[in-house]
Amino acid sequence: MRIGMMADVYKPYVSGITNYITLSKRYLEKLGHEVFVFTFGDLDYQDDESNILRSPGLPLVDTGLYVSFRYSLSAQRLLYTMDVVHVHHPFLSGTLALRYCTSRGIPTVFTNHTRYDLYSQAYLPSVLDGVSGTFLKAYMPSFCRSINLVFAPSPGMRSVLEQLGVDVPIEVVPNGVDLTLFHKQIEPIDRQQYGFKPDDVVLIYVGRLGPEKNIPFLLRAFNGLAQTYNHVGLMIVGDGPERGNLEDRVHHMKLETRVHFTGMIPFETVARYLTMSDAFVTASVTEVHPLTMLEAMAAGLPVTGIVSPGIGDTIENGVTGYLADTEDLALFTAKLVRMATDHDSRHQMGQKAKEVVEYYSIERTTTQVLEHYQKLTRQFAWRKHSLQARWLRFFDRFFL
């Protein structure tokens, strides 16, 4: 099977969606399928994998994102040979999928990876927030009706889409994580290089340092914990536009010896930091199904978070971690205190998290996705032989 992955942005941009596409592509190829990624910009970037099709795009300042409303002719020609196309962003890539694929009888799949409603609140001025909400309620239902199959990575995300007015069937297919590394013996980072003692409790956050991740809230909660308990520390692994502001906050809180930023590091090194730590923490409510949290569970870490789609769908309170019901600072701080002080429960929850995460292995989730691909291509095989599709293929052959 020839599978096209359409994404507004890909490597070297680092995100959960990029990681998901990379993992899915790798395991689909292991099963003997051809997978092609269609994206924009970074034309000079040297990919470390095959079949990456980049079309020119206009850079959005220094965000690493590019804008374009068409693929190059060579990318179009290749796209028309796909058996199925999987869209990972609904706006630019989604619009192009409808333009290029639907009329040619190529079945399309869409996964909603992002809480666009909450991202708009984080990145758009308040005066535009209402406009963005109205736009989503107008755009998403229509777009999803035009796509042949819609995936949500969690039941909570399915509910969010339904609240936006999406009225087509939505299949829940979790994001998968590569557990191979965590099945091996991992040498942890020496925590003493950060001034932590062997019996200290080290909490860790891994992810993008952006406004949508609610890290200032996490720091305020940790500050409350640190004022009472001397045996706790916090590692913040990752990078992003908010890093400077977050480091300033840590400085003003006088927590430089308790909170450490690593910046962007390789995946293998992330695993070593996870193995060094005692619990994973996140205050984000914008997650859909965070791979970093699943990787932490694979390393045997319990999770402290806030009930929201993705987090609440994965973590069971008191079993694989502690969840605050709402974004309440005192309540979340209390959960951190319990995680840092109840050592027996923390260890038990970590072991349970390691068992539960096997459900999200990339092998299992890729098999689920592939079954949907195959069913869809059989169901819509007739469309490739319609008069319109045949005429367009004739046109493509001689005029592109």
Protein backbone atom coordinates (compact mmCIF):
# COMPACT_ATOMS: atom_id res chain seq x y z
CA MET A 1 0.00 0.00 0.00
CA ARG A 2 1.17 3.54 -0.81
CA ILE A 3 0.35 5.86 2.08
CA GLY A 4 0.64 9.64 2.04
CA MET A 5 1.09 11.62 5.26
CA MET A 6 0.16 15.29 4.87
CA ALA A 7 1.49 17.73 7.50
CA ASP A 8 1.82 21.50 7.60
CA VAL A 9 5.24 21.10 9.20
CA TYR A 10 7.76 18.30 9.67
CA LYS A 11 11.39 17.92 10.70
CA PRO A 12 13.49 19.72 11.83
CA TYR A 13 10.51 21.24 13.69
CA VAL A 14 10.02 19.27 16.90
CA SER A 15 6.49 18.46 18.03
CA GLY A 16 4.31 15.58 19.12
CA ILE A 17 2.78 15.41 15.63
CA THR A 18 6.21 15.21 14.01
CA ASN A 19 7.18 12.39 16.37
CA TYR A 20 3.91 10.58 15.72
CA ILE A 21 4.35 10.72 11.94
CA THR A 22 7.97 9.56 12.20
CA LEU A 23 7.05 6.58 14.37
CA SER A 24 4.02 5.61 12.29
CA LYS A 25 6.00 5.88 9.06
CA ARG A 26 8.78 3.69 10.43
CA TYR A 27 6.48 0.89 11.57
CA LEU A 28 4.29 0.97 8.48
CA GLU A 29 7.46 0.63 6.40
CA LYS A 30 8.53 -2.32 8.56
CA LEU A 31 5.27 -3.97 7.54
CA GLY A 32 6.20 -3.52 3.87
CA HIS A 33 4.19 -0.41 2.98
CA GLU A 34 5.51 2.70 1.20
CA VAL A 35 4.97 5.89 3.20
CA PHE A 36 5.48 9.42 1.87
CA VAL A 37 5.39 12.66 3.88
CA PHE A 38 4.12 15.79 2.10
CA THR A 39 5.02 19.05 3.82
CA PHE A 40 6.30 22.61 3.29
CA GLY A 41 9.52 24.58 3.58
CA ASP A 42 13.05 23.75 4.73
CA LEU A 43 13.99 22.80 1.17
CA ASP A 44 17.68 22.66 2.10
CA TYR A 45 17.14 20.41 5.10
CA GLN A 46 18.84 17.03 4.75
CA ASP A 47 16.32 14.40 5.79
CA ASP A 48 17.58 11.27 7.53
CA GLU A 49 14.72 9.21 6.06
CA SER A 50 13.41 8.57 2.57
CA ASN A 51 10.25 9.76 0.81
CA ILE A 52 9.94 13.26 2.30
CA LEU A 53 8.37 15.67 -0.23
CA ARG A 54 8.86 19.34 0.58
CA SER A 55 7.08 22.09 -1.33
CA PRO A 56 8.09 25.77 -1.16
CA GLY A 57 6.39 27.86 1.50
CA LEU A 58 6.57 31.31 3.06
CA PRO A 59 8.24 31.25 6.50
CA LEU A 60 6.20 32.58 9.43
CA VAL A 61 8.80 34.85 11.03
CA ASP A 62 11.08 32.57 13.12
CA THR A 63 8.49 30.00 14.18
CA GLY A 64 9.82 27.20 11.98
CA LEU A 65 6.43 27.08 10.22
CA TYR A 66 5.75 27.70 6.53
CA VAL A 67 2.61 28.69 4.66
CA SER A 68 1.66 27.50 1.18
CA PHE A 69 -1.59 26.82 -0.65
CA ARG A 70 -0.26 24.34 -3.18
CA TYR A 71 2.22 21.52 -3.59
CA SER A 72 4.98 21.52 -6.17
CA LEU A 73 4.14 19.73 -9.43
CA SER A 74 6.42 16.83 -8.54
CA ALA A 75 4.73 16.45 -5.16
CA GLN A 76 1.30 16.58 -6.81
CA ARG A 77 2.23 13.86 -9.29
CA LEU A 78 3.39 11.59 -6.48
CA LEU A 79 0.39 12.38 -4.27
CA TYR A 80 -1.96 11.21 -7.03
CA THR A 81 -0.42 7.71 -6.85
CA MET A 82 -1.33 7.17 -3.17
CA ASP A 83 -3.79 4.47 -2.09
CA VAL A 84 -4.76 6.44 1.01
CA VAL A 85 -3.84 9.86 2.40
CA HIS A 86 -3.64 10.66 6.12
CA VAL A 87 -4.01 14.35 7.04
CA HIS A 88 -2.43 15.55 10.30
CA HIS A 89 -3.35 19.26 10.18
CA PRO A 90 -6.86 20.33 9.17
CA PHE A 91 -6.26 23.76 7.68
CA LEU A 92 -3.50 23.98 5.04
CA SER A 93 -2.90 20.26 4.57
CA GLY A 94 -6.57 19.48 5.04
CA THR A 95 -7.63 21.93 2.34
CA LEU A 96 -5.06 20.51 -0.07
CA ALA A 97 -6.18 16.95 0.64
CA LEU A 98 -9.74 17.87 -0.34
CA ARG A 99 -8.53 19.68 -3.45
CA TYR A 100 -6.08 17.06 -4.71
CA CYS A 101 -7.42 13.74 -3.42
CA THR A 102 -11.20 13.74 -3.17
CA SER A 103 -11.90 14.34 -6.85
CA ARG A 104 -9.36 11.66 -7.82
CA GLY A 105 -10.99 8.96 -5.71
CA ILE A 106 -8.14 8.79 -3.14
CA PRO A 107 -9.62 8.07 0.34
CA THR A 108 -8.61 10.53 3.05
CA VAL A 109 -8.14 10.11 6.81
CA PHE A 110 -7.79 12.91 9.37
CA THR A 111 -6.40 12.73 12.91
CA ASN A 112 -7.13 15.69 15.18
CA HIS A 113 -3.93 15.92 17.21
CA THR A 114 -4.40 19.40 18.69
CA ARG A 115 -6.75 21.34 20.96
CA TYR A 116 -7.06 24.20 18.47
CA ASP A 117 -9.64 25.88 20.70
CA LEU A 118 -7.16 26.19 23.57
CA TYR A 119 -4.15 26.91 21.38
CA SER A 120 -5.98 29.92 19.97
CA GLN A 121 -6.44 31.23 23.52
CA ALA A 122 -2.71 30.86 24.16
CA TYR A 123 -1.47 32.45 20.96
CA LEU A 124 -4.14 34.86 19.73
CA PRO A 125 -5.00 38.25 21.26
CA SER A 126 -8.15 38.13 23.39
CA VAL A 127 -10.01 40.26 20.87
CA LEU A 128 -9.58 37.45 18.31
CA ASP A 129 -10.37 34.58 20.67
CA GLY A 130 -14.11 34.71 20.05
CA VAL A 131 -13.48 34.89 16.32
CA SER A 132 -11.26 31.80 16.43
CA GLY A 133 -13.91 29.86 18.37
CA THR A 134 -16.57 30.79 15.84
CA PHE A 135 -14.25 29.84 12.98
CA LEU A 136 -13.55 26.39 14.46
CA LYS A 137 -17.27 25.68 14.91
CA ALA A 138 -17.86 26.68 11.30
CA TYR A 139 -14.83 24.96 9.77
CA MET A 140 -14.33 21.67 11.62
CA PRO A 141 -17.79 20.09 11.06
CA SER A 142 -17.70 20.89 7.34
CA PHE A 143 -14.13 19.69 6.95
CA CYS A 144 -14.76 16.41 8.80
CA ARG A 145 -17.83 15.71 6.65
CA SER A 146 -15.61 15.99 3.58
CA ILE A 147 -13.01 13.56 4.95
CA ASN A 148 -13.66 9.83 4.62
CA LEU A 149 -12.55 8.85 8.13
CA VAL A 150 -11.86 10.88 11.28
CA PHE A 151 -9.59 9.70 14.12
CA ALA A 152 -9.38 11.07 17.66
CA PRO A 153 -6.42 9.96 19.82
CA SER A 154 -8.59 9.78 22.95
CA PRO A 155 -12.26 9.67 23.98
CA GLY A 156 -11.88 13.14 25.46
CA MET A 157 -10.71 14.53 22.12
CA ARG A 158 -13.68 12.91 20.43
CA SER A 159 -15.94 14.77 22.86
CA VAL A 160 -14.16 18.05 22.06
CA LEU A 161 -14.77 17.53 18.35
CA GLU A 162 -18.41 16.73 19.00
CA GLN A 163 -18.74 19.93 21.05
CA LEU A 164 -17.38 21.83 18.04
CA GLY A 165 -20.27 20.39 16.04
CA VAL A 166 -18.53 17.50 14.26
CA ASP A 167 -21.39 15.12 13.48
CA VAL A 168 -19.66 12.29 11.61
CA PRO A 169 -18.48 9.01 13.19
CA ILE A 170 -15.15 9.43 14.97
CA GLU A 171 -12.86 6.45 15.58
CA VAL A 172 -10.71 6.56 18.72
CA VAL A 173 -7.20 5.37 17.85
CA PRO A 174 -4.54 6.24 20.47
CA ASN A 175 -1.18 7.69 19.56
CA GLY A 176 1.47 5.02 19.81
CA VAL A 177 4.83 5.15 21.52
CA ASP A 178 8.02 3.24 20.77
CA LEU A 179 8.59 1.12 23.87
CA THR A 180 11.62 -0.74 22.50
CA LEU A 181 14.18 1.43 24.29
CA PHE A 182 12.32 1.15 27.60
CA HIS A 183 12.35 -2.64 27.42
CA LYS A 184 16.14 -2.46 27.71
CA GLN A 185 18.34 -1.52 30.63
CA ILE A 186 18.75 2.28 30.55
CA GLU A 187 21.62 3.96 32.36
CA PRO A 188 20.12 6.96 34.19
CA ILE A 189 21.72 10.38 34.23
CA ASP A 190 23.73 10.93 37.39
CA ARG A 191 21.38 13.12 39.41
CA GLN A 192 24.22 14.32 41.62
CA GLN A 193 25.51 16.53 38.78
CA TYR A 194 22.40 18.65 39.42
CA GLY A 195 22.94 18.66 43.16
CA PHE A 196 20.27 16.07 43.91
CA LYS A 197 20.90 13.45 46.57
CA PRO A 198 20.15 9.75 45.95
CA ASP A 199 17.07 9.87 48.20
CA ASP A 200 15.68 13.16 46.82
CA VAL A 201 12.42 13.05 44.86
CA VAL A 202 13.02 14.37 41.34
CA LEU A 203 9.98 15.45 39.34
CA ILE A 204 10.31 15.83 35.57
CA TYR A 205 8.48 17.63 32.79
CA VAL A 206 9.30 16.80 29.17
CA GLY A 207 7.88 18.78 26.28
CA ARG A 208 7.68 22.03 24.41
CA LEU A 209 8.17 25.20 26.46
CA GLY A 210 5.28 27.17 24.98
CA PRO A 211 2.46 29.23 26.50
CA GLU A 212 -0.07 26.47 25.83
CA LYS A 213 1.76 24.11 28.23
CA ASN A 214 0.87 26.07 31.40
CA ILE A 215 4.38 25.76 32.83
CA PRO A 216 4.19 28.98 34.93
CA PHE A 217 1.33 27.31 36.82
CA LEU A 218 3.52 24.22 37.30
CA LEU A 219 6.36 26.37 38.65
CA ARG A 220 4.05 28.14 41.12
CA ALA A 221 2.82 24.79 42.39
CA PHE A 222 6.38 23.44 42.67
CA ASN A 223 7.42 26.60 44.54
CA GLY A 224 4.75 25.86 47.14
CA LEU A 225 6.07 22.31 47.43
CA ALA A 226 9.71 23.41 47.61
CA GLN A 227 9.07 25.93 50.40
CA THR A 228 8.07 23.08 52.71
CA TYR A 229 10.12 20.13 51.51
CA ASN A 230 13.87 20.26 50.92
CA HIS A 231 14.14 16.85 49.29
CA VAL A 232 12.39 17.67 45.97
CA GLY A 233 13.70 18.91 42.63
CA LEU A 234 12.30 19.58 39.17
CA MET A 235 13.84 18.84 35.78
CA ILE A 236 12.41 20.66 32.75
CA VAL A 237 13.44 18.88 29.55
CA GLY A 238 12.81 20.56 26.21
CA ASP A 239 12.89 23.97 24.61
CA GLY A 240 10.56 26.56 23.18
CA PRO A 241 9.70 30.26 23.00
CA GLU A 242 8.92 30.56 26.72
CA ARG A 243 12.21 29.20 28.02
CA GLY A 244 13.72 32.60 28.81
CA ASN A 245 10.62 33.75 30.68
CA LEU A 246 10.47 30.50 32.62
CA GLU A 247 14.14 30.74 33.63
CA ASP A 248 13.48 34.30 34.84
CA ARG A 249 10.59 33.03 36.96
CA VAL A 250 12.81 30.37 38.51
CA HIS A 251 15.42 33.05 39.28
CA HIS A 252 12.88 35.33 40.98
CA MET A 253 11.55 32.39 42.99
CA LYS A 254 15.14 31.64 44.08
CA LEU A 255 14.79 28.04 42.89
CA GLU A 256 17.90 27.84 40.67
CA THR A 257 19.31 24.97 42.74
CA ARG A 258 16.00 23.08 42.68
CA VAL A 259 14.79 23.60 39.08
CA HIS A 260 17.02 22.76 36.10
CA PHE A 261 16.48 23.27 32.36
CA THR A 262 18.20 20.89 29.95
CA GLY A 263 17.15 22.42 26.61
CA MET A 264 16.56 20.19 23.60
CA ILE A 265 18.22 16.80 23.90
CA PRO A 266 18.16 13.53 21.88
CA PHE A 267 15.41 10.98 22.56
CA GLU A 268 17.86 8.45 23.99
CA THR A 269 19.06 11.05 26.48
CA VAL A 270 15.46 11.94 27.39
CA ALA A 271 14.98 8.30 28.35
CA ARG A 272 18.01 8.55 30.66
CA TYR A 273 16.53 11.65 32.34
CA LEU A 274 13.21 9.88 32.78
CA THR A 275 14.96 6.89 34.35
CA MET A 276 16.76 9.26 36.72
CA SER A 277 13.47 10.77 37.92
CA ASP A 278 10.72 9.67 40.30
CA ALA A 279 7.54 11.12 38.77
CA PHE A 280 6.33 12.95 35.65
CA VAL A 281 4.47 16.25 36.12
CA THR A 282 2.44 18.40 33.75
CA ALA A 283 -0.05 21.21 34.24
CA SER A 284 -1.08 21.33 30.57
CA VAL A 285 -4.77 21.07 29.70
CA THR A 286 -4.19 21.34 25.94
CA GLU A 287 -2.87 17.80 25.43
CA VAL A 288 -4.66 15.33 23.19
CA HIS A 289 -2.57 12.25 23.93
CA PRO A 290 0.98 13.30 24.86
CA LEU A 291 3.75 10.94 23.78
CA THR A 292 6.15 12.33 26.40
CA MET A 293 3.76 11.28 29.16
CA LEU A 294 3.48 7.79 27.68
CA GLU A 295 7.28 7.56 27.48
CA ALA A 296 7.48 8.57 31.13
CA MET A 297 5.02 5.80 32.03
CA ALA A 298 7.15 3.37 30.01
CA ALA A 299 10.09 4.40 32.21
CA GLY A 300 8.03 3.45 35.27
CA LEU A 301 7.02 6.95 36.35
CA PRO A 302 3.62 7.85 37.82
CA VAL A 303 2.07 11.09 36.56
CA THR A 304 0.69 14.19 38.26
CA GLY A 305 -1.59 16.22 36.02
CA ILE A 306 -4.92 17.98 35.59
CA VAL A 307 -8.05 16.25 34.31
CA SER A 308 -8.36 17.06 30.60
CA PRO A 309 -8.65 15.14 27.31
CA GLY A 310 -5.58 12.97 26.83
CA ILE A 311 -4.37 13.21 30.43
CA GLY A 312 -7.65 12.19 32.06
CA ASP A 313 -8.23 9.49 29.44
CA THR A 314 -4.87 7.85 30.18
CA ILE A 315 -4.12 8.37 33.89
CA GLU A 316 -6.29 6.76 36.54
CA ASN A 317 -6.24 8.80 39.73
CA GLY A 318 -4.57 6.90 42.56
CA VAL A 319 -3.63 4.01 40.26
CA THR A 320 -1.14 5.36 37.71
CA GLY A 321 -0.81 8.87 39.13
CA TYR A 322 -2.61 11.75 40.81
CA LEU A 323 -5.03 14.05 38.98
CA ALA A 324 -6.39 17.42 40.05
CA ASP A 325 -10.00 17.79 38.98
CA THR A 326 -9.59 21.44 38.00
CA GLU A 327 -6.88 23.97 37.28
CA ASP A 328 -6.73 25.00 40.95
CA LEU A 329 -3.30 25.92 42.31
CA ALA A 330 -3.88 24.71 45.88
CA LEU A 331 -5.37 21.42 44.69
CA PHE A 332 -2.59 20.76 42.19
CA THR A 333 0.07 21.63 44.77
CA ALA A 334 -1.53 19.16 47.17
CA LYS A 335 -1.23 16.45 44.49
CA LEU A 336 2.46 17.28 44.10
CA VAL A 337 2.94 17.08 47.86
CA ARG A 338 1.34 13.66 47.97
CA MET A 339 3.46 12.45 45.05
CA ALA A 340 6.64 13.69 46.75
CA THR A 341 5.89 12.30 50.21
CA ASP A 342 3.96 9.03 49.74
CA HIS A 343 6.89 6.90 48.60
CA ASP A 344 5.14 3.52 48.64
CA SER A 345 2.19 4.72 46.58
CA ARG A 346 4.52 6.48 44.15
CA HIS A 347 6.46 3.27 43.50
CA GLN A 348 3.30 1.18 43.16
CA MET A 349 1.75 3.67 40.72
CA GLY A 350 4.95 3.74 38.69
CA GLN A 351 4.87 -0.03 38.28
CA LYS A 352 1.23 0.07 37.27
CA ALA A 353 1.94 2.86 34.76
CA LYS A 354 4.60 0.69 33.16
CA GLU A 355 2.06 -2.12 32.73
CA VAL A 356 -0.72 0.12 31.38
CA VAL A 357 1.45 1.82 28.76
CA GLU A 358 1.90 -1.44 26.86
CA TYR A 359 -1.61 -0.80 25.50
CA TYR A 360 -0.17 2.20 23.63
CA SER A 361 2.73 0.45 21.92
CA ILE A 362 3.37 1.73 18.40
CA GLU A 363 3.07 -1.81 17.04
CA ARG A 364 -0.45 -2.16 18.41
CA THR A 365 -1.69 1.30 17.39
CA THR A 366 -0.14 1.07 13.92
CA THR A 367 -1.94 -2.23 13.37
CA GLN A 368 -5.21 -0.49 14.29
CA VAL A 369 -4.55 2.36 11.86
CA LEU A 370 -3.57 -0.03 9.08
CA GLU A 371 -6.78 -2.01 9.49
CA HIS A 372 -8.75 1.21 9.02
CA TYR A 373 -6.67 2.12 5.94
CA GLN A 374 -7.33 -1.27 4.35
CA LYS A 375 -11.04 -1.19 5.09
CA LEU A 376 -11.31 2.32 3.66
CA THR A 377 -9.45 1.52 0.45
CA ARG A 378 -11.69 -1.51 -0.14
CA GLN A 379 -14.81 0.51 0.63
CA PHE A 380 -13.92 3.33 -1.77
CA ALA A 381 -12.14 1.34 -4.49
CA TRP A 382 -14.95 2.16 -6.94
CA ARG A 383 -14.19 5.88 -6.71
CA LYS A 384 -10.84 5.47 -8.47
CA HIS A 385 -12.71 4.07 -11.46
CA SER A 386 -15.32 6.81 -11.70
CA LEU A 387 -15.45 8.86 -14.88
CA GLN A 388 -14.25 12.00 -13.09
CA ALA A 389 -11.28 10.23 -11.48
CA ARG A 390 -10.24 8.61 -14.77
CA TRP A 391 -10.48 11.93 -16.61
CA LEU A 392 -8.36 13.67 -13.98
CA ARG A 393 -5.74 10.92 -14.12
CA PHE A 394 -5.57 11.40 -17.88
CA PHE A 395 -5.16 15.14 -17.35
CA ASP A 396 -2.48 14.61 -14.70
CA ARG A 397 -0.52 12.31 -16.98
CA PHE A 398 -0.27 14.71 -19.88
CA PHE A 399 -0.43 18.18 -18.32
CA LEU A 400 1.47 17.95 -15.01
